[in-house]
N, C-alpha and C. Protein backbone atom coordinates (compact mmCIF):
# COMPACT_ATOMS: atom_id res chain seq x y z
N MET A 1 10.13 10.28 11.68
CA MET A 1 9.25 9.10 11.18
C MET A 1 9.47 9.06 9.67
N SER A 2 9.56 7.90 9.16
CA SER A 2 9.87 7.66 7.75
C SER A 2 8.57 6.81 7.21
N TRP A 3 8.62 6.75 5.91
CA TRP A 3 7.44 5.99 5.18
C TRP A 3 8.08 5.58 3.87
N ASN A 4 7.21 4.57 3.16
CA ASN A 4 7.35 4.22 1.95
C ASN A 4 6.23 3.52 1.44
N HIS A 5 6.39 3.04 0.18
CA HIS A 5 5.29 2.45 -0.30
C HIS A 5 5.43 0.87 -0.19
N ARG A 6 4.38 0.17 0.03
CA ARG A 6 4.43 -1.54 0.34
C ARG A 6 3.25 -2.09 -0.25
N VAL A 7 3.53 -3.10 -0.99
CA VAL A 7 2.40 -4.03 -1.43
C VAL A 7 1.91 -4.89 -0.06
N LEU A 8 0.52 -4.76 0.22
CA LEU A 8 -0.09 -5.30 1.23
C LEU A 8 -1.22 -6.35 0.77
N CYS A 9 -1.36 -7.30 1.43
CA CYS A 9 -2.46 -8.38 1.06
C CYS A 9 -3.68 -8.00 1.94
N LYS A 10 -4.98 -7.90 1.55
CA LYS A 10 -5.98 -7.88 2.64
C LYS A 10 -6.86 -9.11 2.20
N VAL A 11 -7.37 -9.72 3.23
CA VAL A 11 -8.23 -10.87 3.03
C VAL A 11 -9.48 -10.58 3.89
N ALA A 12 -10.63 -10.78 2.97
CA ALA A 12 -11.96 -10.29 3.42
C ALA A 12 -12.84 -11.66 3.66
N ARG A 13 -13.31 -12.13 4.75
CA ARG A 13 -14.15 -13.07 4.78
C ARG A 13 -15.40 -12.94 4.03
N SER A 14 -15.95 -14.09 3.44
CA SER A 14 -17.22 -14.09 2.87
C SER A 14 -18.36 -14.34 3.67
N ASN A 15 -19.50 -13.67 3.40
CA ASN A 15 -20.72 -13.70 4.40
C ASN A 15 -21.34 -15.00 3.88
N ILE A 16 -21.05 -15.58 2.56
CA ILE A 16 -21.63 -16.62 2.05
C ILE A 16 -20.90 -18.06 2.46
N ALA A 17 -21.80 -19.00 3.09
CA ALA A 17 -21.32 -20.04 3.63
C ALA A 17 -20.68 -20.94 2.37
N GLY A 18 -19.49 -21.43 2.62
CA GLY A 18 -18.91 -22.36 1.51
C GLY A 18 -17.98 -21.48 0.54
N ARG A 19 -18.03 -20.05 0.56
CA ARG A 19 -17.50 -19.27 -0.30
C ARG A 19 -16.05 -18.96 0.24
N PRO A 20 -15.00 -19.23 -0.48
CA PRO A 20 -13.71 -18.96 0.03
C PRO A 20 -13.52 -17.32 0.32
N PRO A 21 -12.52 -16.81 1.14
CA PRO A 21 -12.19 -15.61 1.24
C PRO A 21 -11.77 -14.76 0.04
N GLU A 22 -12.24 -13.52 0.17
CA GLU A 22 -11.57 -12.84 -1.17
C GLU A 22 -10.28 -12.34 -0.75
N VAL A 23 -9.23 -12.22 -1.57
CA VAL A 23 -8.07 -11.87 -1.44
C VAL A 23 -7.66 -10.73 -2.53
N CYS A 24 -7.16 -9.70 -2.06
CA CYS A 24 -6.67 -8.47 -2.87
C CYS A 24 -5.39 -7.95 -2.50
N PHE A 25 -4.57 -7.47 -3.40
CA PHE A 25 -3.35 -6.76 -3.01
C PHE A 25 -3.34 -5.38 -3.57
N GLY A 26 -2.82 -4.40 -2.81
CA GLY A 26 -2.77 -3.15 -3.24
C GLY A 26 -1.52 -2.59 -2.71
N ILE A 27 -1.18 -1.29 -3.21
CA ILE A 27 -0.07 -0.59 -2.70
C ILE A 27 -0.43 0.51 -1.69
N HIS A 28 0.18 0.58 -0.35
CA HIS A 28 -0.20 1.19 0.63
C HIS A 28 1.05 2.09 1.13
N GLU A 29 0.61 3.22 1.56
CA GLU A 29 1.92 3.85 2.41
C GLU A 29 1.97 3.19 3.74
N VAL A 30 3.14 2.80 4.19
CA VAL A 30 3.62 2.44 5.55
C VAL A 30 4.51 3.35 6.12
N TYR A 31 4.08 3.69 7.45
CA TYR A 31 4.73 4.58 8.30
C TYR A 31 5.65 3.79 9.41
N TYR A 32 6.75 4.21 9.60
CA TYR A 32 7.65 3.41 10.37
C TYR A 32 7.99 4.43 11.92
N ALA A 33 8.10 3.49 12.83
CA ALA A 33 8.69 4.04 14.15
C ALA A 33 10.01 4.58 14.00
N ALA A 34 10.57 5.29 14.95
CA ALA A 34 12.00 5.55 14.93
C ALA A 34 12.88 4.42 14.75
N ASP A 35 12.51 3.17 15.40
CA ASP A 35 13.37 2.09 15.50
C ASP A 35 13.30 1.11 14.04
N GLY A 36 12.51 1.72 13.25
CA GLY A 36 12.37 1.13 11.78
C GLY A 36 11.24 0.12 11.80
N THR A 37 10.40 -0.29 12.87
CA THR A 37 9.42 -1.15 12.79
C THR A 37 7.99 -0.58 11.99
N PRO A 38 7.42 -1.17 11.36
CA PRO A 38 6.20 -0.53 10.82
C PRO A 38 5.21 -0.43 12.06
N GLU A 39 4.67 1.03 11.79
CA GLU A 39 3.79 1.39 12.74
C GLU A 39 2.33 1.67 12.48
N ARG A 40 2.05 1.93 11.18
CA ARG A 40 0.71 2.21 10.67
C ARG A 40 0.72 2.12 9.22
N CYS A 41 -0.40 2.13 8.56
CA CYS A 41 -0.64 2.23 7.14
C CYS A 41 -1.80 2.86 6.62
N THR A 42 -1.84 3.19 5.60
CA THR A 42 -3.16 3.69 4.98
C THR A 42 -4.22 2.49 4.80
N GLN A 43 -5.45 2.84 5.23
CA GLN A 43 -6.36 1.91 5.21
C GLN A 43 -6.88 1.50 3.71
N GLU A 44 -6.74 2.35 2.89
CA GLU A 44 -7.28 1.95 1.41
C GLU A 44 -5.76 2.06 0.61
N PRO A 45 -5.77 1.43 -0.37
CA PRO A 45 -4.64 1.47 -1.31
C PRO A 45 -4.60 3.00 -1.91
N VAL A 46 -3.35 3.41 -2.10
CA VAL A 46 -3.01 4.77 -2.85
C VAL A 46 -2.78 4.65 -4.38
N ALA A 47 -3.05 5.72 -4.94
CA ALA A 47 -2.84 5.94 -6.37
C ALA A 47 -1.64 6.79 -6.69
N PRO A 48 -0.96 6.76 -7.64
CA PRO A 48 0.24 7.74 -7.99
C PRO A 48 -0.37 8.96 -8.47
N PHE A 49 0.14 10.20 -8.16
CA PHE A 49 -0.15 11.48 -8.41
C PHE A 49 0.95 12.37 -8.42
N GLY A 50 0.73 13.50 -9.13
CA GLY A 50 1.98 14.50 -9.10
C GLY A 50 1.45 15.89 -9.55
N GLU A 51 2.12 16.74 -9.14
CA GLU A 51 1.81 18.39 -9.60
C GLU A 51 2.63 18.49 -11.01
N THR A 52 3.33 17.77 -11.28
CA THR A 52 4.13 17.73 -12.59
C THR A 52 4.32 16.39 -13.14
N PRO A 53 4.64 16.31 -14.41
CA PRO A 53 5.04 14.97 -14.82
C PRO A 53 6.32 14.42 -14.23
N ALA A 54 7.27 15.23 -13.90
CA ALA A 54 8.44 14.62 -13.13
C ALA A 54 8.07 14.18 -11.88
N ILE A 55 7.31 14.93 -11.00
CA ILE A 55 6.88 14.27 -9.70
C ILE A 55 5.98 13.07 -9.91
N LEU A 56 5.32 13.04 -10.99
CA LEU A 56 4.43 11.63 -11.24
C LEU A 56 5.33 10.70 -11.59
N ARG A 57 6.34 10.82 -12.33
CA ARG A 57 7.22 9.87 -12.66
C ARG A 57 8.00 9.22 -11.29
N ALA A 58 8.44 10.21 -10.47
CA ALA A 58 9.11 9.68 -9.42
C ALA A 58 8.27 8.82 -8.50
N GLU A 59 6.89 9.39 -8.38
CA GLU A 59 5.92 8.68 -7.59
C GLU A 59 5.74 7.24 -8.18
N VAL A 60 5.65 6.97 -9.47
CA VAL A 60 5.51 5.68 -10.03
C VAL A 60 6.72 4.92 -9.74
N ARG A 61 7.93 5.43 -9.63
CA ARG A 61 9.25 4.71 -9.49
C ARG A 61 9.19 4.21 -8.04
N MET A 62 8.60 4.92 -7.09
CA MET A 62 8.38 4.47 -5.65
C MET A 62 7.43 3.57 -5.64
N PHE A 63 6.36 3.39 -6.39
CA PHE A 63 5.48 2.20 -6.55
C PHE A 63 6.11 1.10 -7.05
N ALA A 64 7.03 1.13 -7.91
CA ALA A 64 7.68 0.17 -8.54
C ALA A 64 8.67 -0.51 -7.49
N LYS A 65 9.21 0.17 -6.67
CA LYS A 65 10.16 -0.25 -5.64
C LYS A 65 9.41 -0.98 -4.48
N ALA A 66 7.99 -0.88 -4.58
CA ALA A 66 7.06 -1.62 -3.35
C ALA A 66 7.28 -3.03 -3.68
N PHE A 67 7.67 -3.45 -5.06
CA PHE A 67 7.65 -4.80 -5.23
C PHE A 67 9.01 -5.39 -4.92
């Protein structure tokens, strides 16, 4: 199984009549089946982190590739 970061759009309906839905974008981890089709993703957006500055830099580069 492979994974990468992808920009996903979430649309939330408003509970207030006449108000348009809320749209937001976030970076999520997306996991793929063996044939390369997306299988699942993180429910909430993820944030970059790393145990060293070099690891954090690599993570930020992966985020940039999501675009």
